[in-house]
Protein backbone atom coordinates (compact mmCIF):
# COMPACT_ATOMS: atom_id res chain seq x y z
CA MET A 1 -19.27 86.07 -0.28
CA PRO A 2 -18.31 82.40 -0.13
CA ASN A 3 -14.70 81.75 0.30
CA PRO A 4 -13.59 80.32 -3.26
CA HIS A 5 -10.72 78.46 -1.38
CA ARG A 6 -12.81 76.36 1.09
CA HIS A 7 -10.86 74.05 3.54
CA VAL A 8 -10.98 70.50 2.43
CA PRO A 9 -10.65 67.97 5.49
CA VAL A 10 -7.30 66.10 5.28
CA ALA A 11 -9.07 62.64 5.84
CA LEU A 12 -11.28 63.23 2.81
CA VAL A 13 -8.17 63.92 0.83
CA LEU A 14 -6.38 60.72 1.86
CA ILE A 15 -9.49 58.62 1.15
CA LEU A 16 -9.84 60.08 -2.19
CA GLY A 17 -6.17 59.68 -2.97
CA LEU A 18 -6.29 55.95 -1.71
CA ALA A 19 -9.34 55.40 -4.01
CA SER A 20 -7.77 56.98 -7.08
CA SER A 21 -3.95 55.98 -6.77
CA SER A 22 -3.45 52.19 -7.67
CA CYS A 23 -0.08 52.25 -6.24
CA LEU A 24 -1.31 52.63 -2.67
CA TYR A 25 -3.40 49.53 -2.47
CA THR A 26 -3.04 45.99 -3.39
CA LYS A 27 -5.56 43.06 -3.97
CA ARG A 28 -5.08 39.79 -2.41
CA VAL A 29 -6.00 36.61 -4.34
CA ILE A 30 -8.11 33.97 -2.64
CA LEU A 31 -7.33 30.54 -3.17
CA ARG A 32 -9.31 27.40 -2.57
CA ARG A 33 -7.25 24.09 -3.21
CA GLY A 34 -4.68 26.08 -5.05
CA LYS A 35 -7.30 27.71 -7.63
CA LYS A 36 -8.11 31.15 -7.83
CA VAL A 37 -11.92 32.17 -6.94
CA THR A 38 -14.04 34.93 -7.67
CA ALA A 39 -17.24 36.11 -6.23
CA ALA A 40 -19.02 33.88 -8.94
CA THR A 41 -16.80 30.96 -8.38
CA ALA A 42 -16.08 30.81 -4.70
CA PRO A 43 -17.44 27.63 -3.21
CA VAL A 44 -19.81 27.71 -0.17
CA LEU A 45 -17.84 26.61 2.76
CA LYS A 46 -19.57 23.60 4.63
CA THR A 47 -20.29 23.94 8.20
CA ALA A 48 -20.23 21.06 10.91
CA THR A 49 -20.41 20.88 14.68
CA ARG A 50 -17.64 19.33 16.84
CA ASP A 51 -19.58 16.51 17.57
CA GLU A 52 -20.32 16.05 13.57
CA LEU A 53 -16.74 16.07 12.87
CA SER A 54 -16.12 13.62 15.66
CA ALA A 55 -18.84 11.33 14.32
CA LYS A 56 -17.25 11.60 10.96
CA ILE A 57 -14.17 10.25 11.90
CA ALA A 58 -15.51 7.39 13.67
CA ALA A 59 -17.91 6.44 10.73
CA LEU A 60 -14.84 6.20 8.50
CA TYR A 61 -12.81 4.22 11.05
CA ASN A 62 -15.68 1.67 11.88
CA ALA A 63 -16.29 1.17 8.00
CA VAL A 64 -12.81 -0.50 7.76
CA ASN A 65 -12.36 -4.09 9.16
CA SER A 66 -9.67 -5.15 7.03
CA PHE A 67 -7.98 -4.58 3.65
CA GLN A 68 -5.27 -5.80 1.27
CA ALA A 69 -3.69 -2.89 -0.74
CA THR A 70 -1.00 -2.62 -3.45
CA VAL A 71 0.62 0.91 -3.27
CA ASP A 72 3.49 2.78 -5.06
CA MET A 73 5.60 3.83 -2.31
CA THR A 74 8.17 6.61 -1.90
CA PRO A 75 10.21 6.56 1.28
CA SER A 76 12.35 9.57 2.18
CA VAL A 77 15.04 10.25 4.62
CA GLY A 78 15.83 13.77 6.23
CA SER A 79 13.18 16.40 7.39
CA VAL A 80 12.50 19.90 7.17
CA PHE A 81 14.73 20.42 10.32
CA THR A 82 17.78 18.96 8.82
CA GLY A 83 17.61 21.07 5.59
CA SER A 84 17.29 18.15 3.16
CA ILE A 85 15.07 15.53 2.22
CA THR A 86 15.98 12.53 0.02
CA GLU A 87 13.44 10.43 -1.81
CA ILE A 88 13.65 6.83 -2.97
CA LYS A 89 11.33 6.30 -5.97
CA GLY A 90 9.50 3.41 -7.61
CA VAL A 91 9.14 1.05 -4.47
CA ARG A 92 6.10 -1.22 -4.97
CA ALA A 93 4.62 -2.52 -1.64
CA THR A 94 1.75 -4.69 -0.22
CA VAL A 95 -0.06 -3.62 2.92
CA ARG A 96 -2.37 -6.13 4.63
CA PHE A 97 -4.40 -4.74 7.60
CA ARG A 98 -6.79 -6.54 9.99
CA LYS A 99 -8.58 -5.14 13.17
CA PRO A 100 -7.83 -4.51 15.78
CA ALA A 101 -4.13 -3.77 14.90
CA ASP A 102 -2.52 -6.47 12.71
CA ILE A 103 -0.50 -5.15 9.80
CA PHE A 104 1.86 -6.67 7.41
CA ILE A 105 3.96 -4.71 4.81
CA VAL A 106 6.04 -6.01 1.97
CA GLY A 107 8.14 -3.65 -0.16
CA GLN A 108 9.95 -4.43 -3.50
CA TYR A 109 12.82 -2.65 -4.99
CA PRO A 110 12.17 -0.61 -8.29
CA VAL A 111 12.70 -2.64 -11.69
CA LEU A 112 13.79 -5.98 -10.54
CA HIS A 113 10.96 -6.05 -7.83
CA ASN A 114 12.78 -8.23 -5.39
CA THR A 115 12.16 -7.94 -1.91
CA ALA A 116 13.40 -4.80 0.07
CA PHE A 117 11.90 -5.19 3.53
CA GLU A 118 9.15 -6.99 5.28
CA MET A 119 7.55 -5.80 8.49
CA VAL A 120 4.66 -6.98 10.97
CA SER A 121 3.07 -5.65 13.97
CA ASP A 122 0.21 -6.98 16.20
CA GLY A 123 -0.27 -3.52 17.59
CA THR A 124 2.04 -4.27 20.65
CA ASN A 125 5.23 -5.68 19.10
CA PHE A 126 6.82 -5.31 15.81
CA LYS A 127 9.39 -7.14 13.45
CA VAL A 128 11.27 -5.87 10.46
CA PHE A 129 13.56 -7.60 8.15
CA LEU A 130 15.74 -5.46 5.98
CA ASN A 131 16.83 -7.84 3.13
CA ALA A 132 19.93 -5.83 1.85
CA LYS A 133 21.42 -5.68 5.26
CA ASN A 134 20.45 -9.24 6.20
CA LEU A 135 19.10 -7.58 9.37
CA PHE A 136 16.15 -8.67 11.49
CA VAL A 137 14.88 -6.15 13.92
CA GLU A 138 12.22 -6.56 16.75
CA GLY A 139 10.98 -4.99 19.70
CA ALA A 140 7.93 -3.35 21.22
CA ASN A 141 5.95 -0.52 19.33
CA SER A 142 6.60 1.72 22.37
CA ALA A 143 10.47 1.20 22.36
CA PRO A 144 12.46 4.27 21.38
CA VAL A 145 13.72 4.93 17.91
CA ASP A 146 17.23 3.89 17.39
CA PRO A 147 19.32 7.07 16.29
CA ALA A 148 20.90 4.94 13.46
CA LYS A 149 22.56 6.66 10.65
CA ASN A 150 20.35 4.76 8.26
CA LYS A 151 16.85 6.22 9.10
CA LEU A 152 15.15 3.55 7.16
CA GLU A 153 15.92 1.23 9.95
CA ASN A 154 13.54 3.27 11.99
CA LEU A 155 10.59 2.19 9.85
CA ARG A 156 7.89 0.89 12.02
CA PRO A 157 4.85 -0.72 11.00
CA ASP A 158 2.79 1.00 13.68
CA ALA A 159 3.63 4.33 11.90
CA PHE A 160 1.78 3.04 8.84
CA PHE A 161 -1.22 1.83 11.06
CA SER A 162 -1.57 5.08 13.03
CA SER A 163 -1.45 7.20 9.82
CA MET A 164 -3.53 5.10 7.35
CA LEU A 165 -6.32 4.84 9.90
CA ILE A 166 -7.48 7.83 11.70
CA PRO A 167 -8.75 6.58 15.14
CA PRO A 168 -11.94 8.24 16.58
CA VAL A 169 -12.06 10.13 19.74
CA ASP A 170 -12.09 7.86 22.92
CA PRO A 171 -14.58 9.62 25.17
CA SER A 172 -13.33 7.92 28.25
CA THR A 173 -9.88 9.35 27.97
CA GLU A 174 -10.25 12.19 25.27
CA THR A 175 -12.03 15.36 24.65
CA ALA A 176 -12.32 17.26 21.44
CA SER A 177 -12.37 20.86 20.62
CA ARG A 178 -13.09 22.60 17.17
CA LEU A 179 -11.00 25.35 15.64
CA ASP A 180 -12.29 27.26 12.52
CA PHE A 181 -9.05 28.21 10.44
CA VAL A 182 -9.94 30.29 7.30
CA ASP A 183 -7.69 32.67 5.43
CA GLU A 184 -6.89 33.61 1.93
CA ASP A 185 -5.31 30.33 1.05
CA ASN A 186 -7.04 27.81 3.49
CA ALA A 187 -10.38 26.76 4.64
CA PHE A 188 -10.22 23.91 7.40
CA TYR A 189 -11.89 22.96 10.57
CA ILE A 190 -9.26 21.54 12.89
CA LEU A 191 -10.63 19.01 15.51
CA PHE A 192 -8.14 19.06 18.33
CA ILE A 193 -8.28 15.99 20.46
CA LEU A 194 -6.71 16.33 23.97
CA LYS A 195 -6.19 14.15 27.01
CA LYS A 196 -5.13 14.68 30.63
CA GLY A 197 -1.52 14.81 31.23
CA ALA A 198 0.64 13.15 34.06
CA ASN A 199 -0.03 16.39 36.11
CA GLY A 200 -3.58 16.42 35.17
CA ASP A 201 -3.28 19.41 32.75
CA PRO A 202 -4.77 18.92 29.19
CA ILE A 203 -2.46 18.05 26.52
CA PHE A 204 -2.71 18.03 22.77
CA VAL A 205 -2.81 14.30 21.34
CA ARG A 206 -3.81 14.93 17.62
CA GLY A 207 -5.26 17.45 15.27
CA VAL A 208 -7.60 16.39 12.49
CA TRP A 209 -7.86 18.81 9.57
CA PHE A 210 -11.20 18.72 7.47
CA ASP A 211 -11.14 20.64 4.27
CA ARG A 212 -14.43 23.00 4.48
CA ILE A 213 -15.18 22.70 0.86
CA ASP A 214 -16.41 19.11 1.20
CA LEU A 215 -15.49 18.12 4.72
CA THR A 216 -12.86 15.49 3.69
CA ILE A 217 -10.10 14.82 5.98
CA ALA A 218 -6.99 16.63 4.70
CA ARG A 219 -4.59 16.09 7.53
CA GLN A 220 -3.69 14.63 10.71
CA THR A 221 -0.92 15.83 13.15
CA VAL A 222 0.25 13.77 16.09
CA TYR A 223 1.99 15.18 19.32
CA ASP A 224 3.87 13.61 22.00
CA GLU A 225 3.55 14.26 25.83
CA SER A 226 5.79 17.45 25.52
CA GLY A 227 3.76 18.92 22.79
CA ALA A 228 6.26 18.33 20.16
CA GLU A 229 4.96 17.34 16.74
CA VAL A 230 5.68 13.41 15.96
CA SER A 231 4.09 12.92 12.69
CA ASP A 232 2.17 14.97 10.00
CA THR A 233 0.14 12.77 7.50
CA ARG A 234 -1.63 14.60 4.40
CA TYR A 235 -4.78 12.73 2.80
CA SER A 236 -6.16 13.25 -0.63
CA LYS A 237 -7.88 11.47 -3.63
CA TRP A 238 -10.75 9.88 -1.54
CA GLN A 239 -12.47 7.20 -3.28
CA GLN A 240 -14.85 4.42 -2.69
CA TYR A 241 -13.50 0.75 -2.24
CA ASN A 242 -16.27 -1.76 -1.94
CA GLY A 243 -18.43 0.80 -0.54
CA VAL A 244 -15.86 2.26 2.01
CA THR A 245 -14.35 5.77 1.70
CA PHE A 246 -10.69 5.77 1.78
CA PRO A 247 -7.81 8.00 0.60
CA ALA A 248 -5.86 6.93 -2.25
CA HIS A 249 -3.06 9.22 -1.57
CA ILE A 250 -1.23 9.50 1.98
CA ASP A 251 1.74 11.31 2.69
CA ILE A 252 3.35 10.37 5.80
CA ASN A 253 5.89 12.49 7.68
CA ARG A 254 7.77 11.30 10.85
CA LEU A 255 9.33 14.44 11.70
CA LYS A 256 11.14 13.38 15.03
CA ASP A 257 12.22 10.21 13.22
CA GLU A 258 13.37 11.90 10.15
CA TYR A 259 11.75 9.76 7.63
CA GLY A 260 8.57 9.93 5.53
CA VAL A 261 6.70 7.59 3.20
CA VAL A 262 4.20 8.60 0.50
CA LEU A 263 1.65 5.88 -0.46
CA ASP A 264 -0.35 5.81 -3.67
CA ILE A 265 -2.95 3.01 -3.97
CA THR A 266 -3.06 1.35 -7.19
CA ASP A 267 -5.47 -1.53 -5.90
CA MET A 268 -7.43 -2.03 -2.82
CA GLN A 269 -9.44 -5.01 -1.64
CA MET A 270 -11.55 -3.68 1.07
CA ASN A 271 -12.83 -5.80 4.05
CA VAL A 272 -11.59 -8.99 2.75
CA SER A 273 -10.89 -12.32 4.77
CA LEU A 274 -7.33 -12.36 6.14
CA THR A 275 -6.11 -15.31 8.05
CA ASP A 276 -3.52 -15.34 10.72
CA ASP A 277 -0.73 -16.82 8.48
CA LYS A 278 -0.87 -13.58 6.48
CA PHE A 279 0.52 -11.62 9.45
CA ILE A 280 3.78 -14.00 10.44
CA LEU A 281 7.33 -12.95 9.81
CA ASN A 282 9.93 -15.39 11.08
CA GLN A 283 13.59 -14.50 11.35
CA PRO A 284 15.73 -15.93 8.58
CA PRO A 285 18.29 -18.47 10.08
CA ASP A 286 21.25 -16.71 8.67
CA SER A 287 20.25 -12.97 9.39
CA GLN A 288 21.53 -10.68 12.22
CA LEU A 289 19.12 -10.03 15.03
CA LYS A 290 18.82 -6.74 16.71
CA VAL A 291 16.33 -6.13 19.53
CA ILE A 292 15.18 -2.69 20.07
CA GLY A 293 15.51 -1.70 23.68
CA ALA A 294 17.69 -4.70 24.65
CA PRO A 295 20.41 -4.26 27.32
CA LYS A 296 23.65 -3.13 25.72
């Protein structure tokens, strides 16, 4: 006669228990751009090769020859490393750019809209005038940042230029490697751009993040020779300006310099003619001069 008390394998008991007891498992919610997705609504992630991503960066960069933009600017001081970040709301600014590397920025205070600062760079040298302090700062773009208590004195036009326009891979000195990064909350391709360091070993230069929902650029991280992160810029609200695709929201974080700037474009004149006089900043005669990198 069969034994009425047959042995049931322990593994089967555990499986049945897991399937029947809601307290023994959890369900993770999958998010794409902060929105919950289901099997019916989940977007099909786009695919691209390393070379296709590199070509996309080059196409976006090459389409821009010049622009004049009006932006709402939110500067901030501090960083995630200092434990606090203080934002300055309501600054209106005009940004002029002309290739290869001319940039001029005028910022205005909230409410009264009188000039707060002016800065210019030709890609090699920069000048900045801080009106409230009657301080005129000039130096080479490569000069070290002054560890001043007022971090806004460390504003450099080159930081805007290198963040607003994402340079393409330089095949003569750089190589690129694609990483596929997909988890519950993110779906990115990261194009890491590398070059040879002083000792011949490859070092990271930049990382360009592509959202795999539509392959728009969402982020750019920049690194120094030691591998430390120098800046982290987020891009969103990509729009067409005179047939050129450009992000209307740019969030720049200069981690080592302990300041950041958020730019929201309110008006953009793309690929307009800008003459040399639009990129001149002379020192006011009664202002204090500070030369970055000068002998002490």
